[in-house]
Structure formats: structure tokens, C-alpha cells
């Protein structure tokens, strides 16, 4: 596949076009953030600052709908996921470039980050002991099923994004081969909409998984709480 073409090698490590494109996206975001935040103003915000504030507020609102009062904590990770995946998906529109998310290695890396973040935020919220305890709830017999569920949803997260983006690029290529340049605008619009939708779905699923990890201790708190019927009972 062209998306896996080896550009150069560093010893045993082969640097593919996917890696180079990803580096380019990271550099683009770094430069964009530096340029956009050089002249911030409280009293007279410019158009770029206003747009950035609107985007951040929209992301915070989306996070608050799933995890109220946790937007400040989760904004850096979830916001970065949404922006990076959206940009990576749209990279396929540039001639001679392919979306990094059309490569399974990229989507697998993103899914692993989500997997690790679920446990990181869960432990940070409820503590290591209480967080691990929820894997044994309501019975230790369910531990293998909990672990299998964690593994299967991580694999599904990676495969879903990879499959959708790869099929989208193939479908666009086939349409252009059959119809030529007669229908470029509808194809491009389809690609843009689908790229943004897939980025939103991936980030939303990541947010839901993290919310589950952060709220997993609440069941234990409810179970460990004394029953109202037993308050004040003395024999």
C-alpha cells in the first residue's frame, strides 16, 4: 500500500510515509498553537482567538454532557484526540498524501492511548485499590470477562477507525476512476463529512470509556454504604 511506503530507515526502524505524515501534522499543530497564542487579549480578542475560544467551549460542553465538572481535567486529552484525528482523516484530501488513520498502526496506537488513559483517570479519581476492586465486582469470577471486555473494546476501537477510513479512501478512488472528474465536489464533501464524523465518534467513545473508568468506584461506594434500615439498630 502507498500509505505504508518506506521513506527511509534508522537502523532497524523503518520510517514509513504514515510516520512522516504524522510528524508533519504534529509540526503543523505545534506551529499553529504558537502562532495563534502569541497575541492573546482579554479586552480585544481577534478573530483567531474568538474561533479558538469557541472551539474550546464546544469541546468543554461536549465533555460536560458526559462527565459534568470534569471538562477541565479531560479537555487536553479528549480535545487533542478530536483535533488530531480530524486533521489526520482530512489529510487524505491532499494529493499524494494518505490519511495516517488509514493505517492500522496509527489507529492501534490511538486505541492504546485510550486504553491507558481509562486506567490513568480511573486510578487518579478513585485511587488504585478502589479502582482495581471494581474488576472483582460483583464477583471475582467475572474478572476474566472484565479483562476480555477491556481488550475487545480496544481492538474494536482501532479496527473501526481504520476500516472506515480505508474504505472511505477506496470508495472515493473507485468513484473517481469510474466517473472521472465529473463528480469531484460530492466526493470531496462526502470525505470531509465522514472524516469529521469518524473523529467525533472515536473521541466520544474514548470519553465514554474514560467516564466508565472514573465512575467505576461509585458502585463500590453504594455497596459499602450502610443500609438506612440498619442505622441505629442495636441489639
C-alpha atoms as a PDB file:
ATOM      1  CA  UNK A   1       0.000   0.000   0.000  1.00  0.00           C
ATOM      2  CA  UNK A   2       1.203   3.547  -0.738  1.00  0.00           C
ATOM      3  CA  UNK A   3       0.311   4.589   2.790  1.00  0.00           C
ATOM      4  CA  UNK A   4       2.929   2.141   4.108  1.00  0.00           C
ATOM      5  CA  UNK A   5       5.752   3.090   1.717  1.00  0.00           C
ATOM      6  CA  UNK A   6       9.146   3.152   3.467  1.00  0.00           C
ATOM      7  CA  UNK A   7      10.697   6.629   3.175  1.00  0.00           C
ATOM      8  CA  UNK A   8      13.972   5.912   4.967  1.00  0.00           C
ATOM      9  CA  UNK A   9      15.394   3.675   7.689  1.00  0.00           C
ATOM     10  CA  UNK A  10      17.089   4.354  11.004  1.00  0.00           C
ATOM     11  CA  UNK A  11      18.900   1.126  11.775  1.00  0.00           C
ATOM     12  CA  UNK A  12      16.245  -1.497  12.377  1.00  0.00           C
ATOM     13  CA  UNK A  13      13.441   1.078  12.330  1.00  0.00           C
ATOM     14  CA  UNK A  14      11.686   1.785   9.034  1.00  0.00           C
ATOM     15  CA  UNK A  15      10.115   5.232   8.718  1.00  0.00           C
ATOM     16  CA  UNK A  16       7.026   4.966   6.537  1.00  0.00           C
ATOM     17  CA  UNK A  17       5.028   7.684   4.840  1.00  0.00           C
ATOM     18  CA  UNK A  18       2.430   7.321   7.591  1.00  0.00           C
ATOM     19  CA  UNK A  19       5.013   8.247  10.224  1.00  0.00           C
ATOM     20  CA  UNK A  20       6.288  11.183   8.168  1.00  0.00           C
ATOM     21  CA  UNK A  21       2.740  12.466   7.627  1.00  0.00           C
ATOM     22  CA  UNK A  22       2.042  12.157  11.347  1.00  0.00           C
ATOM     23  CA  UNK A  23       5.204  14.115  12.140  1.00  0.00           C
ATOM     24  CA  UNK A  24       4.045  16.759   9.688  1.00  0.00           C
ATOM     25  CA  UNK A  25       0.684  17.016  11.458  1.00  0.00           C
ATOM     26  CA  UNK A  26       2.365  17.345  14.851  1.00  0.00           C
ATOM     27  CA  UNK A  27       4.622  20.087  13.499  1.00  0.00           C
ATOM     28  CA  UNK A  28       1.591  21.820  11.968  1.00  0.00           C
ATOM     29  CA  UNK A  29      -0.271  21.792  15.292  1.00  0.00           C
ATOM     30  CA  UNK A  30       2.790  22.999  17.210  1.00  0.00           C
ATOM     31  CA  UNK A  31       3.349  25.929  14.854  1.00  0.00           C
ATOM     32  CA  UNK A  32      -0.359  26.745  14.705  1.00  0.00           C
ATOM     33  CA  UNK A  33      -0.651  26.827  18.506  1.00  0.00           C
ATOM     34  CA  UNK A  34       2.429  29.018  18.784  1.00  0.00           C
ATOM     35  CA  UNK A  35       1.217  31.468  16.172  1.00  0.00           C
ATOM     36  CA  UNK A  36      -2.369  31.539  17.456  1.00  0.00           C
ATOM     37  CA  UNK A  37      -1.411  32.225  21.079  1.00  0.00           C
ATOM     38  CA  UNK A  38       1.242  34.898  20.572  1.00  0.00           C
ATOM     39  CA  UNK A  39      -1.119  37.862  20.812  1.00  0.00           C
ATOM     40  CA  UNK A  40      -3.930  36.826  23.117  1.00  0.00           C
ATOM     41  CA  UNK A  41      -6.013  39.609  24.587  1.00  0.00           C
ATOM     42  CA  UNK A  42      -8.744  39.727  27.191  1.00  0.00           C
ATOM     43  CA  UNK A  43     -10.172  43.072  26.146  1.00  0.00           C
ATOM     44  CA  UNK A  44      -9.786  42.909  22.353  1.00  0.00           C
ATOM     45  CA  UNK A  45      -9.756  39.285  21.148  1.00  0.00           C
ATOM     46  CA  UNK A  46      -9.102  38.826  17.449  1.00  0.00           C
ATOM     47  CA  UNK A  47     -10.903  36.547  15.021  1.00  0.00           C
ATOM     48  CA  UNK A  48      -8.466  33.673  15.558  1.00  0.00           C
ATOM     49  CA  UNK A  49      -8.718  33.930  19.342  1.00  0.00           C
ATOM     50  CA  UNK A  50     -12.505  34.081  19.144  1.00  0.00           C
ATOM     51  CA  UNK A  51     -12.583  30.978  16.936  1.00  0.00           C
ATOM     52  CA  UNK A  52     -10.243  29.111  19.298  1.00  0.00           C
ATOM     53  CA  UNK A  53     -12.296  30.055  22.333  1.00  0.00           C
ATOM     54  CA  UNK A  54     -15.448  28.903  20.549  1.00  0.00           C
ATOM     55  CA  UNK A  55     -13.872  25.549  19.677  1.00  0.00           C
ATOM     56  CA  UNK A  56     -12.635  25.028  23.240  1.00  0.00           C
ATOM     57  CA  UNK A  57     -16.032  25.933  24.657  1.00  0.00           C
ATOM     58  CA  UNK A  58     -17.730  23.464  22.292  1.00  0.00           C
ATOM     59  CA  UNK A  59     -15.372  20.686  23.420  1.00  0.00           C
ATOM     60  CA  UNK A  60     -15.928  21.559  27.089  1.00  0.00           C
ATOM     61  CA  UNK A  61     -19.690  21.431  26.572  1.00  0.00           C
ATOM     62  CA  UNK A  62     -19.447  18.001  24.918  1.00  0.00           C
ATOM     63  CA  UNK A  63     -17.354  16.680  27.820  1.00  0.00           C
ATOM     64  CA  UNK A  64     -19.708  18.184  30.426  1.00  0.00           C
ATOM     65  CA  UNK A  65     -22.635  16.332  28.858  1.00  0.00           C
ATOM     66  CA  UNK A  66     -20.920  13.025  29.647  1.00  0.00           C
ATOM     67  CA  UNK A  67     -18.928  13.945  32.768  1.00  0.00           C
ATOM     68  CA  UNK A  68     -20.183  17.096  34.457  1.00  0.00           C
ATOM     69  CA  UNK A  69     -17.492  19.219  36.147  1.00  0.00           C
ATOM     70  CA  UNK A  70     -14.668  17.173  34.582  1.00  0.00           C
ATOM     71  CA  UNK A  71     -14.153  19.227  31.428  1.00  0.00           C
ATOM     72  CA  UNK A  72     -11.035  20.982  32.737  1.00  0.00           C
ATOM     73  CA  UNK A  73      -9.417  17.656  33.569  1.00  0.00           C
ATOM     74  CA  UNK A  74     -10.259  15.868  30.312  1.00  0.00           C
ATOM     75  CA  UNK A  75     -10.083  18.749  27.833  1.00  0.00           C
ATOM     76  CA  UNK A  76      -6.352  18.359  26.970  1.00  0.00           C
ATOM     77  CA  UNK A  77      -6.629  14.666  26.093  1.00  0.00           C
ATOM     78  CA  UNK A  78     -10.091  14.500  24.512  1.00  0.00           C
ATOM     79  CA  UNK A  79      -9.640  17.787  22.672  1.00  0.00           C
ATOM     80  CA  UNK A  80      -6.297  16.650  21.276  1.00  0.00           C
ATOM     81  CA  UNK A  81      -7.836  13.372  20.139  1.00  0.00           C
ATOM     82  CA  UNK A  82     -10.650  15.109  18.291  1.00  0.00           C
ATOM     83  CA  UNK A  83      -8.400  17.651  16.602  1.00  0.00           C
ATOM     84  CA  UNK A  84      -5.635  15.227  15.644  1.00  0.00           C
ATOM     85  CA  UNK A  85      -7.951  12.538  14.261  1.00  0.00           C
ATOM     86  CA  UNK A  86     -10.000  15.095  12.323  1.00  0.00           C
ATOM     87  CA  UNK A  87      -6.830  16.555  10.771  1.00  0.00           C
ATOM     88  CA  UNK A  88      -5.407  13.087  10.085  1.00  0.00           C
ATOM     89  CA  UNK A  89      -8.623  11.978   8.402  1.00  0.00           C
ATOM     90  CA  UNK A  90      -8.709  15.093   6.216  1.00  0.00           C
ATOM     91  CA  UNK A  91      -5.082  14.614   5.144  1.00  0.00           C
ATOM     92  CA  UNK A  92      -6.296  12.142   2.531  1.00  0.00           C
ATOM     93  CA  UNK A  93      -7.762  15.063   0.579  1.00  0.00           C
ATOM     94  CA  UNK A  94      -4.263  16.390  -0.150  1.00  0.00           C
ATOM     95  CA  UNK A  95      -2.856  14.953  -3.410  1.00  0.00           C
ATOM     96  CA  UNK A  96      -0.125  12.321  -2.958  1.00  0.00           C
ATOM     97  CA  UNK A  97      -0.899  12.001   0.740  1.00  0.00           C
ATOM     98  CA  UNK A  98      -2.844   9.342   2.611  1.00  0.00           C
ATOM     99  CA  UNK A  99      -4.645   9.615   5.924  1.00  0.00           C
ATOM    100  CA  UNK A 100      -2.498   8.274   8.785  1.00  0.00           C
ATOM    101  CA  UNK A 101      -5.706   6.865  10.240  1.00  0.00           C
ATOM    102  CA  UNK A 102      -5.973   4.652   7.160  1.00  0.00           C
ATOM    103  CA  UNK A 103      -3.016   2.733   8.621  1.00  0.00           C
ATOM    104  CA  UNK A 104      -3.799   0.189  11.330  1.00  0.00           C
ATOM    105  CA  UNK A 105      -0.614   1.038  13.223  1.00  0.00           C
ATOM    106  CA  UNK A 106      -1.847   4.593  13.794  1.00  0.00           C
ATOM    107  CA  UNK A 107      -5.334   3.628  14.931  1.00  0.00           C
ATOM    108  CA  UNK A 108      -3.879   0.902  17.166  1.00  0.00           C
ATOM    109  CA  UNK A 109      -1.585   3.455  18.819  1.00  0.00           C
ATOM    110  CA  UNK A 110      -4.543   5.783  19.387  1.00  0.00           C
ATOM    111  CA  UNK A 111      -6.626   2.938  20.847  1.00  0.00           C
ATOM    112  CA  UNK A 112      -3.772   2.007  23.205  1.00  0.00           C
ATOM    113  CA  UNK A 113      -3.592   5.622  24.380  1.00  0.00           C
ATOM    114  CA  UNK A 114      -7.310   5.496  25.146  1.00  0.00           C
ATOM    115  CA  UNK A 115      -6.868   2.163  26.957  1.00  0.00           C
ATOM    116  CA  UNK A 116      -4.112   3.603  29.156  1.00  0.00           C
ATOM    117  CA  UNK A 117      -5.989   6.841  29.771  1.00  0.00           C
ATOM    118  CA  UNK A 118      -9.047   4.960  31.047  1.00  0.00           C
ATOM    119  CA  UNK A 119      -6.965   3.404  33.825  1.00  0.00           C
ATOM    120  CA  UNK A 120      -4.971   6.589  34.457  1.00  0.00           C
ATOM    121  CA  UNK A 121      -8.043   8.743  35.019  1.00  0.00           C
ATOM    122  CA  UNK A 122      -9.817   5.955  36.909  1.00  0.00           C
ATOM    123  CA  UNK A 123      -6.943   5.490  39.354  1.00  0.00           C
ATOM    124  CA  UNK A 124      -6.481   9.242  39.674  1.00  0.00           C
ATOM    125  CA  UNK A 125     -10.136   9.675  40.581  1.00  0.00           C
ATOM    126  CA  UNK A 126     -10.770   6.786  42.972  1.00  0.00           C
ATOM    127  CA  UNK A 127      -7.334   5.509  43.999  1.00  0.00           C
ATOM    128  CA  UNK A 128      -5.556   2.330  42.934  1.00  0.00           C
ATOM    129  CA  UNK A 129      -7.164  -0.048  45.443  1.00  0.00           C
ATOM    130  CA  UNK A 130     -10.750   1.040  44.869  1.00  0.00           C
ATOM    131  CA  UNK A 131     -10.284   1.187  41.102  1.00  0.00           C
ATOM    132  CA  UNK A 132      -8.918  -2.364  40.924  1.00  0.00           C
ATOM    133  CA  UNK A 133     -11.683  -3.546  43.231  1.00  0.00           C
ATOM    134  CA  UNK A 134     -14.352  -2.821  40.627  1.00  0.00           C
ATOM    135  CA  UNK A 135     -12.913  -5.601  38.438  1.00  0.00           C
ATOM    136  CA  UNK A 136     -13.940  -8.051  41.168  1.00  0.00           C
ATOM    137  CA  UNK A 137     -17.454  -6.651  41.481  1.00  0.00           C
ATOM    138  CA  UNK A 138     -19.970  -8.171  41.953  1.00  0.00           C
ATOM    139  CA  UNK A 139     -17.982 -11.438  41.950  1.00  0.00           C
ATOM    140  CA  UNK A 140     -14.282 -12.299  41.414  1.00  0.00           C
ATOM    141  CA  UNK A 141     -15.455 -14.890  38.888  1.00  0.00           C
ATOM    142  CA  UNK A 142     -16.173 -12.037  36.476  1.00  0.00           C
ATOM    143  CA  UNK A 143     -12.552 -10.839  36.422  1.00  0.00           C
ATOM    144  CA  UNK A 144     -11.666 -12.666  33.138  1.00  0.00           C
ATOM    145  CA  UNK A 145     -14.768 -11.223  31.490  1.00  0.00           C
ATOM    146  CA  UNK A 146     -13.867  -7.687  32.605  1.00  0.00           C
ATOM    147  CA  UNK A 147     -10.361  -8.101  31.190  1.00  0.00           C
ATOM    148  CA  UNK A 148     -11.704  -9.588  27.953  1.00  0.00           C
ATOM    149  CA  UNK A 149     -14.086  -6.670  27.616  1.00  0.00           C
ATOM    150  CA  UNK A 150     -11.238  -4.176  28.039  1.00  0.00           C
ATOM    151  CA  UNK A 151      -9.211  -5.937  25.353  1.00  0.00           C
ATOM    152  CA  UNK A 152     -12.056  -6.395  22.881  1.00  0.00           C
ATOM    153  CA  UNK A 153     -13.234  -2.785  23.008  1.00  0.00           C
ATOM    154  CA  UNK A 154      -9.662  -1.547  22.483  1.00  0.00           C
ATOM    155  CA  UNK A 155      -9.288  -3.740  19.403  1.00  0.00           C
ATOM    156  CA  UNK A 156     -12.720  -2.669  18.144  1.00  0.00           C
ATOM    157  CA  UNK A 157     -11.804   0.999  18.617  1.00  0.00           C
ATOM    158  CA  UNK A 158      -8.698   0.611  16.469  1.00  0.00           C
ATOM    159  CA  UNK A 159     -10.362  -1.515  13.795  1.00  0.00           C
ATOM    160  CA  UNK A 160     -13.438   0.718  13.494  1.00  0.00           C
ATOM    161  CA  UNK A 161     -11.486   3.867  12.646  1.00  0.00           C
ATOM    162  CA  UNK A 162      -9.019   2.029  10.406  1.00  0.00           C
ATOM    163  CA  UNK A 163     -11.737   0.194   8.488  1.00  0.00           C
ATOM    164  CA  UNK A 164     -13.902   3.264   7.988  1.00  0.00           C
ATOM    165  CA  UNK A 165     -11.076   5.473   6.748  1.00  0.00           C
ATOM    166  CA  UNK A 166      -9.581   2.815   4.486  1.00  0.00           C
ATOM    167  CA  UNK A 167     -12.964   2.024   2.938  1.00  0.00           C
ATOM    168  CA  UNK A 168     -13.689   5.749   2.525  1.00  0.00           C
ATOM    169  CA  UNK A 169     -10.464   6.308   0.578  1.00  0.00           C
ATOM    170  CA  UNK A 170     -11.064   3.230  -1.562  1.00  0.00           C
ATOM    171  CA  UNK A 171     -14.654   4.258  -2.316  1.00  0.00           C
ATOM    172  CA  UNK A 172     -13.565   7.769  -3.292  1.00  0.00           C
ATOM    173  CA  UNK A 173     -10.841   6.347  -5.538  1.00  0.00           C
ATOM    174  CA  UNK A 174     -13.238   3.950  -7.263  1.00  0.00           C
ATOM    175  CA  UNK A 175     -15.809   6.696  -7.877  1.00  0.00           C
ATOM    176  CA  UNK A 176     -13.168   8.962  -9.378  1.00  0.00           C
ATOM    177  CA  UNK A 177     -11.863   6.140 -11.556  1.00  0.00           C
ATOM    178  CA  UNK A 178     -15.345   5.378 -12.891  1.00  0.00           C
ATOM    179  CA  UNK A 179     -16.734   8.911 -13.192  1.00  0.00           C
ATOM    180  CA  UNK A 180     -13.500  10.783 -13.736  1.00  0.00           C
ATOM    181  CA  UNK A 181     -13.606  14.418 -12.700  1.00  0.00           C
ATOM    182  CA  UNK A 182     -17.341  14.797 -13.267  1.00  0.00           C
ATOM    183  CA  UNK A 183     -18.254  14.361  -9.611  1.00  0.00           C
ATOM    184  CA  UNK A 184     -15.274  15.682  -7.574  1.00  0.00           C
ATOM    185  CA  UNK A 185     -17.282  18.039  -5.338  1.00  0.00           C
ATOM    186  CA  UNK A 186     -19.764  15.451  -3.968  1.00  0.00           C
ATOM    187  CA  UNK A 187     -16.912  13.011  -3.358  1.00  0.00           C
ATOM    188  CA  UNK A 188     -14.886  15.638  -1.524  1.00  0.00           C
ATOM    189  CA  UNK A 189     -17.882  16.657   0.574  1.00  0.00           C
ATOM    190  CA  UNK A 190     -18.527  13.031   1.477  1.00  0.00           C
ATOM    191  CA  UNK A 191     -14.898  12.615   2.513  1.00  0.00           C
ATOM    192  CA  UNK A 192     -14.954  15.752   4.669  1.00  0.00           C
ATOM    193  CA  UNK A 193     -18.205  14.853   6.421  1.00  0.00           C
ATOM    194  CA  UNK A 194     -17.176  11.245   7.022  1.00  0.00           C
ATOM    195  CA  UNK A 195     -13.729  12.283   8.270  1.00  0.00           C
ATOM    196  CA  UNK A 196     -15.237  14.646  10.837  1.00  0.00           C
ATOM    197  CA  UNK A 197     -17.880  12.122  11.880  1.00  0.00           C
ATOM    198  CA  UNK A 198     -15.286   9.388  12.446  1.00  0.00           C
ATOM    199  CA  UNK A 199     -13.135  11.751  14.514  1.00  0.00           C
ATOM    200  CA  UNK A 200     -16.153  12.670  16.634  1.00  0.00           C
ATOM    201  CA  UNK A 201     -17.151   9.028  17.144  1.00  0.00           C
ATOM    202  CA  UNK A 202     -13.650   7.975  18.193  1.00  0.00           C
ATOM    203  CA  UNK A 203     -13.310  10.851  20.659  1.00  0.00           C
ATOM    204  CA  UNK A 204     -16.799  10.291  22.056  1.00  0.00           C
ATOM    205  CA  UNK A 205     -16.168   6.580  22.600  1.00  0.00           C
ATOM    206  CA  UNK A 206     -12.893   7.433  24.329  1.00  0.00           C
ATOM    207  CA  UNK A 207     -14.766   9.881  26.555  1.00  0.00           C
ATOM    208  CA  UNK A 208     -17.412   7.271  27.407  1.00  0.00           C
ATOM    209  CA  UNK A 209     -14.757   4.681  28.277  1.00  0.00           C
ATOM    210  CA  UNK A 210     -12.921   7.170  30.490  1.00  0.00           C
ATOM    211  CA  UNK A 211     -16.196   8.134  32.156  1.00  0.00           C
ATOM    212  CA  UNK A 212     -16.818   4.455  32.918  1.00  0.00           C
ATOM    213  CA  UNK A 213     -13.366   4.157  34.478  1.00  0.00           C
ATOM    214  CA  UNK A 214     -13.793   7.307  36.573  1.00  0.00           C
ATOM    215  CA  UNK A 215     -17.257   6.304  37.785  1.00  0.00           C
ATOM    216  CA  UNK A 216     -16.454   2.637  38.404  1.00  0.00           C
ATOM    217  CA  UNK A 217     -15.838   3.278  42.102  1.00  0.00           C
ATOM    218  CA  UNK A 218     -19.331   4.667  42.662  1.00  0.00           C
ATOM    219  CA  UNK A 219     -20.856   1.185  42.651  1.00  0.00           C
ATOM    220  CA  UNK A 220     -18.435   0.128  45.364  1.00  0.00           C
ATOM    221  CA  UNK A 221     -19.311   3.209  47.431  1.00  0.00           C
ATOM    222  CA  UNK A 222     -23.014   2.403  47.179  1.00  0.00           C
ATOM    223  CA  UNK A 223     -22.436  -1.241  48.082  1.00  0.00           C
ATOM    224  CA  UNK A 224     -20.188  -0.382  51.026  1.00  0.00           C
ATOM    225  CA  UNK A 225     -22.577   2.261  52.409  1.00  0.00           C
ATOM    226  CA  UNK A 226     -24.628   1.162  55.440  1.00  0.00           C
ATOM    227  CA  UNK A 227     -28.254   0.396  54.815  1.00  0.00           C
ATOM    228  CA  UNK A 228     -30.749   3.013  56.081  1.00  0.00           C
ATOM    229  CA  UNK A 229     -32.703   0.235  57.750  1.00  0.00           C
ATOM    230  CA  UNK A 230     -29.686  -0.652  59.852  1.00  0.00           C
ATOM    231  CA  UNK A 231     -28.989   2.849  61.182  1.00  0.00           C
ATOM    232  CA  UNK A 232     -29.372   2.987  64.903  1.00  0.00           C
ATOM    233  CA  UNK A 233     -30.221  -0.749  65.193  1.00  0.00           C
ATOM    234  CA  UNK A 234     -28.827  -2.100  68.402  1.00  0.00           C
ATOM    235  CA  UNK A 235     -29.265  -5.457  69.994  1.00  0.00           C
END
